[in-house]
Amino acid sequence: MRLISTRAPFALLLALPLLAGCLERGQSTVADSMGDDDQYCQAGGKVKVGSPEYVACRKDRDVQRQNADARADRKQRDLGEYMLNHPDVH
């Protein structure tokens, strides 16, 4: 009986790093794929930070990111609904 009680915490300790990835909060993969907004909006140093063009570019990038996040969320939700409605499909 003693052997079983020592295995459970050890197994949990080994599984903890794998489970930690499920709890990760932070930037989405969409944000990572869009690159650096500041560098993009400065256009290689041609546009000054704070100028109307720069501000408009940053706003456009924010809208693009929000739309991409919404599409990814919608795809995930649709996949979950499909899986619930079609449990016999593998």
N, C-alpha and C. Protein backbone atom coordinates (compact mmCIF):
# COMPACT_ATOMS: atom_id res chain seq x y z
N MET A 1 0.82 -1.19 0.00
CA MET A 1 0.00 0.00 0.00
C MET A 1 0.87 1.26 0.00
N ARG A 2 1.97 1.20 0.67
CA ARG A 2 2.89 2.34 0.75
C ARG A 2 3.42 2.70 -0.64
N LEU A 3 3.65 1.71 -1.49
CA LEU A 3 4.20 1.93 -2.83
C LEU A 3 3.23 2.73 -3.69
N ILE A 4 1.95 2.47 -3.59
CA ILE A 4 0.95 3.19 -4.38
C ILE A 4 0.87 4.65 -3.94
N SER A 5 0.92 4.89 -2.64
CA SER A 5 0.79 6.26 -2.15
C SER A 5 1.99 7.12 -2.53
N THR A 6 3.14 6.55 -2.79
CA THR A 6 4.29 7.34 -3.22
C THR A 6 4.33 7.53 -4.73
N ARG A 7 3.68 6.65 -5.46
CA ARG A 7 3.67 6.76 -6.92
C ARG A 7 2.78 7.90 -7.40
N ALA A 8 1.65 8.11 -6.75
CA ALA A 8 0.70 9.12 -7.22
C ALA A 8 1.32 10.52 -7.22
N PRO A 9 1.93 10.99 -6.14
CA PRO A 9 2.53 12.33 -6.20
C PRO A 9 3.67 12.42 -7.21
N PHE A 10 4.41 11.34 -7.37
CA PHE A 10 5.51 11.34 -8.33
C PHE A 10 4.96 11.44 -9.76
N ALA A 11 3.89 10.72 -10.05
CA ALA A 11 3.27 10.77 -11.38
C ALA A 11 2.70 12.16 -11.65
N LEU A 12 2.10 12.75 -10.63
CA LEU A 12 1.56 14.10 -10.78
C LEU A 12 2.68 15.11 -11.02
N LEU A 13 3.76 14.94 -10.33
CA LEU A 13 4.91 15.82 -10.52
C LEU A 13 5.45 15.74 -11.95
N LEU A 14 5.46 14.55 -12.52
CA LEU A 14 5.92 14.39 -13.90
C LEU A 14 4.93 14.96 -14.91
N ALA A 15 3.64 14.88 -14.60
CA ALA A 15 2.61 15.36 -15.52
C ALA A 15 2.39 16.87 -15.43
N LEU A 16 2.83 17.49 -14.37
CA LEU A 16 2.58 18.91 -14.14
C LEU A 16 3.08 19.81 -15.28
N PRO A 17 4.30 19.63 -15.79
CA PRO A 17 4.73 20.50 -16.91
C PRO A 17 3.86 20.34 -18.16
N LEU A 18 3.34 19.15 -18.39
CA LEU A 18 2.47 18.95 -19.54
C LEU A 18 1.15 19.66 -19.36
N LEU A 19 0.62 19.63 -18.15
CA LEU A 19 -0.64 20.29 -17.87
C LEU A 19 -0.50 21.81 -17.83
N ALA A 20 0.65 22.29 -17.50
CA ALA A 20 0.87 23.73 -17.42
C ALA A 20 0.67 24.41 -18.78
N GLY A 21 0.97 23.72 -19.85
CA GLY A 21 0.76 24.28 -21.18
C GLY A 21 -0.69 24.54 -21.48
N CYS A 22 -1.59 23.78 -20.87
CA CYS A 22 -3.02 23.97 -21.07
C CYS A 22 -3.51 25.23 -20.38
N LEU A 23 -2.82 25.70 -19.39
CA LEU A 23 -3.25 26.86 -18.63
C LEU A 23 -2.61 28.16 -19.09
N GLU A 24 -1.83 28.10 -20.14
CA GLU A 24 -1.10 29.27 -20.58
C GLU A 24 -2.05 30.35 -21.05
N ARG A 25 -1.83 31.53 -20.52
CA ARG A 25 -2.58 32.70 -20.94
C ARG A 25 -1.57 33.70 -21.47
N GLY A 26 -1.96 34.45 -22.45
CA GLY A 26 -1.04 35.44 -22.99
C GLY A 26 -1.40 35.76 -24.42
N GLN A 27 -0.41 36.08 -25.20
CA GLN A 27 -0.66 36.44 -26.58
C GLN A 27 -1.09 35.21 -27.37
N SER A 28 -2.00 35.44 -28.27
CA SER A 28 -2.44 34.36 -29.13
C SER A 28 -1.39 34.10 -30.21
N THR A 29 -1.56 32.99 -30.90
CA THR A 29 -0.64 32.69 -32.00
C THR A 29 -0.83 33.66 -33.14
N VAL A 30 -2.02 34.24 -33.23
CA VAL A 30 -2.27 35.24 -34.26
C VAL A 30 -1.37 36.44 -34.04
N ALA A 31 -1.23 36.87 -32.80
CA ALA A 31 -0.37 38.02 -32.50
C ALA A 31 1.07 37.72 -32.85
N ASP A 32 1.50 36.49 -32.61
CA ASP A 32 2.86 36.12 -32.95
C ASP A 32 3.09 36.11 -34.45
N SER A 33 2.09 35.70 -35.22
CA SER A 33 2.28 35.57 -36.66
C SER A 33 2.24 36.92 -37.37
N MET A 34 1.70 37.96 -36.73
CA MET A 34 1.60 39.26 -37.38
C MET A 34 2.88 40.06 -37.27
N GLY A 35 3.77 39.69 -36.40
CA GLY A 35 5.04 40.39 -36.30
C GLY A 35 4.98 41.61 -35.41
N ASP A 36 6.01 42.40 -35.47
CA ASP A 36 6.13 43.59 -34.63
C ASP A 36 5.38 44.75 -35.27
N ASP A 37 4.32 45.20 -34.60
CA ASP A 37 3.50 46.29 -35.14
C ASP A 37 4.28 47.59 -35.24
N ASP A 38 5.09 47.86 -34.26
CA ASP A 38 5.85 49.12 -34.26
C ASP A 38 6.77 49.19 -35.46
N GLN A 39 7.50 48.12 -35.70
CA GLN A 39 8.42 48.09 -36.84
C GLN A 39 7.65 48.15 -38.16
N TYR A 40 6.56 47.43 -38.23
CA TYR A 40 5.75 47.41 -39.44
C TYR A 40 5.20 48.80 -39.76
N CYS A 41 4.65 49.46 -38.73
CA CYS A 41 4.01 50.76 -38.94
C CYS A 41 5.01 51.90 -39.17
N GLN A 42 6.24 51.75 -38.71
CA GLN A 42 7.24 52.76 -39.01
C GLN A 42 7.75 52.64 -40.43
N ALA A 43 7.47 51.53 -41.07
CA ALA A 43 7.84 51.30 -42.47
C ALA A 43 9.33 51.56 -42.71
N GLY A 44 10.14 50.95 -41.87
CA GLY A 44 11.58 51.08 -42.05
C GLY A 44 12.11 52.46 -41.70
N GLY A 45 11.44 53.16 -40.81
CA GLY A 45 11.91 54.48 -40.40
C GLY A 45 11.34 55.62 -41.21
N LYS A 46 10.46 55.35 -42.15
CA LYS A 46 9.89 56.40 -42.99
C LYS A 46 8.76 57.14 -42.31
N VAL A 47 8.10 56.48 -41.34
CA VAL A 47 6.96 57.08 -40.65
C VAL A 47 7.35 57.30 -39.19
N LYS A 48 7.12 58.50 -38.68
CA LYS A 48 7.46 58.85 -37.30
C LYS A 48 6.40 58.32 -36.33
N VAL A 49 6.87 57.87 -35.17
CA VAL A 49 5.96 57.42 -34.11
C VAL A 49 5.12 58.60 -33.66
N GLY A 50 3.80 58.41 -33.58
CA GLY A 50 2.89 59.47 -33.16
C GLY A 50 2.26 60.23 -34.31
N SER A 51 2.77 60.06 -35.51
CA SER A 51 2.19 60.75 -36.66
C SER A 51 0.82 60.14 -36.97
N PRO A 52 -0.03 60.89 -37.69
CA PRO A 52 -1.36 60.35 -38.02
C PRO A 52 -1.29 59.03 -38.81
N GLU A 53 -0.31 58.91 -39.70
CA GLU A 53 -0.16 57.67 -40.47
C GLU A 53 0.18 56.49 -39.55
N TYR A 54 1.06 56.75 -38.59
CA TYR A 54 1.48 55.71 -37.65
C TYR A 54 0.30 55.28 -36.78
N VAL A 55 -0.44 56.25 -36.27
CA VAL A 55 -1.60 55.94 -35.42
C VAL A 55 -2.63 55.14 -36.19
N ALA A 56 -2.90 55.54 -37.43
CA ALA A 56 -3.87 54.83 -38.26
C ALA A 56 -3.40 53.40 -38.54
N CYS A 57 -2.10 53.25 -38.79
CA CYS A 57 -1.55 51.92 -39.04
C CYS A 57 -1.71 51.03 -37.82
N ARG A 58 -1.41 51.55 -36.64
CA ARG A 58 -1.54 50.77 -35.40
C ARG A 58 -2.99 50.37 -35.15
N LYS A 59 -3.92 51.30 -35.42
CA LYS A 59 -5.34 50.98 -35.26
C LYS A 59 -5.75 49.88 -36.24
N ASP A 60 -5.29 49.98 -37.48
CA ASP A 60 -5.60 48.95 -38.48
C ASP A 60 -5.06 47.59 -38.06
N ARG A 61 -3.84 47.57 -37.53
CA ARG A 61 -3.24 46.31 -37.08
C ARG A 61 -4.02 45.72 -35.91
N ASP A 62 -4.50 46.58 -35.00
CA ASP A 62 -5.31 46.10 -33.88
C ASP A 62 -6.61 45.46 -34.38
N VAL A 63 -7.25 46.12 -35.34
CA VAL A 63 -8.50 45.58 -35.90
C VAL A 63 -8.22 44.26 -36.61
N GLN A 64 -7.14 44.19 -37.37
CA GLN A 64 -6.79 42.94 -38.05
C GLN A 64 -6.57 41.81 -37.04
N ARG A 65 -5.88 42.11 -35.96
CA ARG A 65 -5.61 41.10 -34.93
C ARG A 65 -6.90 40.64 -34.25
N GLN A 66 -7.78 41.60 -33.94
CA GLN A 66 -9.05 41.25 -33.30
C GLN A 66 -9.90 40.39 -34.23
N ASN A 67 -9.92 40.72 -35.51
CA ASN A 67 -10.68 39.92 -36.47
C ASN A 67 -10.10 38.51 -36.60
N ALA A 68 -8.78 38.41 -36.62
CA ALA A 68 -8.15 37.09 -36.72
C ALA A 68 -8.42 36.26 -35.46
N ASP A 69 -8.38 36.90 -34.29
CA ASP A 69 -8.70 36.19 -33.05
C ASP A 69 -10.15 35.72 -33.06
N ALA A 70 -11.05 36.57 -33.55
CA ALA A 70 -12.47 36.21 -33.60
C ALA A 70 -12.69 35.04 -34.56
N ARG A 71 -11.99 35.05 -35.70
CA ARG A 71 -12.11 33.93 -36.64
C ARG A 71 -11.60 32.63 -36.03
N ALA A 72 -10.47 32.71 -35.34
CA ALA A 72 -9.91 31.51 -34.71
C ALA A 72 -10.84 30.99 -33.62
N ASP A 73 -11.41 31.89 -32.82
CA ASP A 73 -12.36 31.48 -31.78
C ASP A 73 -13.60 30.84 -32.40
N ARG A 74 -14.09 31.43 -33.48
CA ARG A 74 -15.29 30.91 -34.15
C ARG A 74 -15.01 29.53 -34.74
N LYS A 75 -13.83 29.35 -35.33
CA LYS A 75 -13.48 28.03 -35.88
C LYS A 75 -13.40 26.98 -34.78
N GLN A 76 -12.83 27.35 -33.64
CA GLN A 76 -12.72 26.41 -32.53
C GLN A 76 -14.10 26.06 -31.98
N ARG A 77 -14.96 27.06 -31.86
CA ARG A 77 -16.32 26.82 -31.37
C ARG A 77 -17.09 25.93 -32.35
N ASP A 78 -16.96 26.22 -33.66
CA ASP A 78 -17.64 25.42 -34.67
C ASP A 78 -17.16 23.97 -34.65
N LEU A 79 -15.87 23.78 -34.46
CA LEU A 79 -15.33 22.42 -34.39
C LEU A 79 -15.90 21.69 -33.18
N GLY A 80 -15.97 22.36 -32.04
CA GLY A 80 -16.53 21.74 -30.84
C GLY A 80 -17.99 21.37 -31.03
N GLU A 81 -18.77 22.26 -31.65
CA GLU A 81 -20.17 21.97 -31.92
C GLU A 81 -20.31 20.80 -32.89
N TYR A 82 -19.47 20.76 -33.91
CA TYR A 82 -19.52 19.66 -34.87
C TYR A 82 -19.22 18.33 -34.16
N MET A 83 -18.22 18.34 -33.30
CA MET A 83 -17.86 17.11 -32.60
C MET A 83 -18.98 16.67 -31.66
N LEU A 84 -19.68 17.62 -31.03
CA LEU A 84 -20.80 17.25 -30.17
C LEU A 84 -21.97 16.70 -30.98
N ASN A 85 -22.20 17.25 -32.14
CA ASN A 85 -23.34 16.84 -32.98
C ASN A 85 -23.06 15.59 -33.80
N HIS A 86 -21.80 15.21 -33.94
CA HIS A 86 -21.42 14.03 -34.74
C HIS A 86 -20.47 13.13 -33.94
N PRO A 87 -20.98 12.52 -32.87
CA PRO A 87 -20.08 11.71 -32.04
C PRO A 87 -19.62 10.42 -32.71
N ASP A 88 -20.30 9.99 -33.76
CA ASP A 88 -19.93 8.73 -34.42
C ASP A 88 -18.82 8.89 -35.45
N VAL A 89 -18.49 10.12 -35.83
CA VAL A 89 -17.44 10.35 -36.82
C VAL A 89 -16.09 10.34 -36.10
N HIS A 90 -15.15 9.66 -36.67
CA HIS A 90 -13.82 9.55 -36.04
C HIS A 90 -12.93 10.64 -36.51
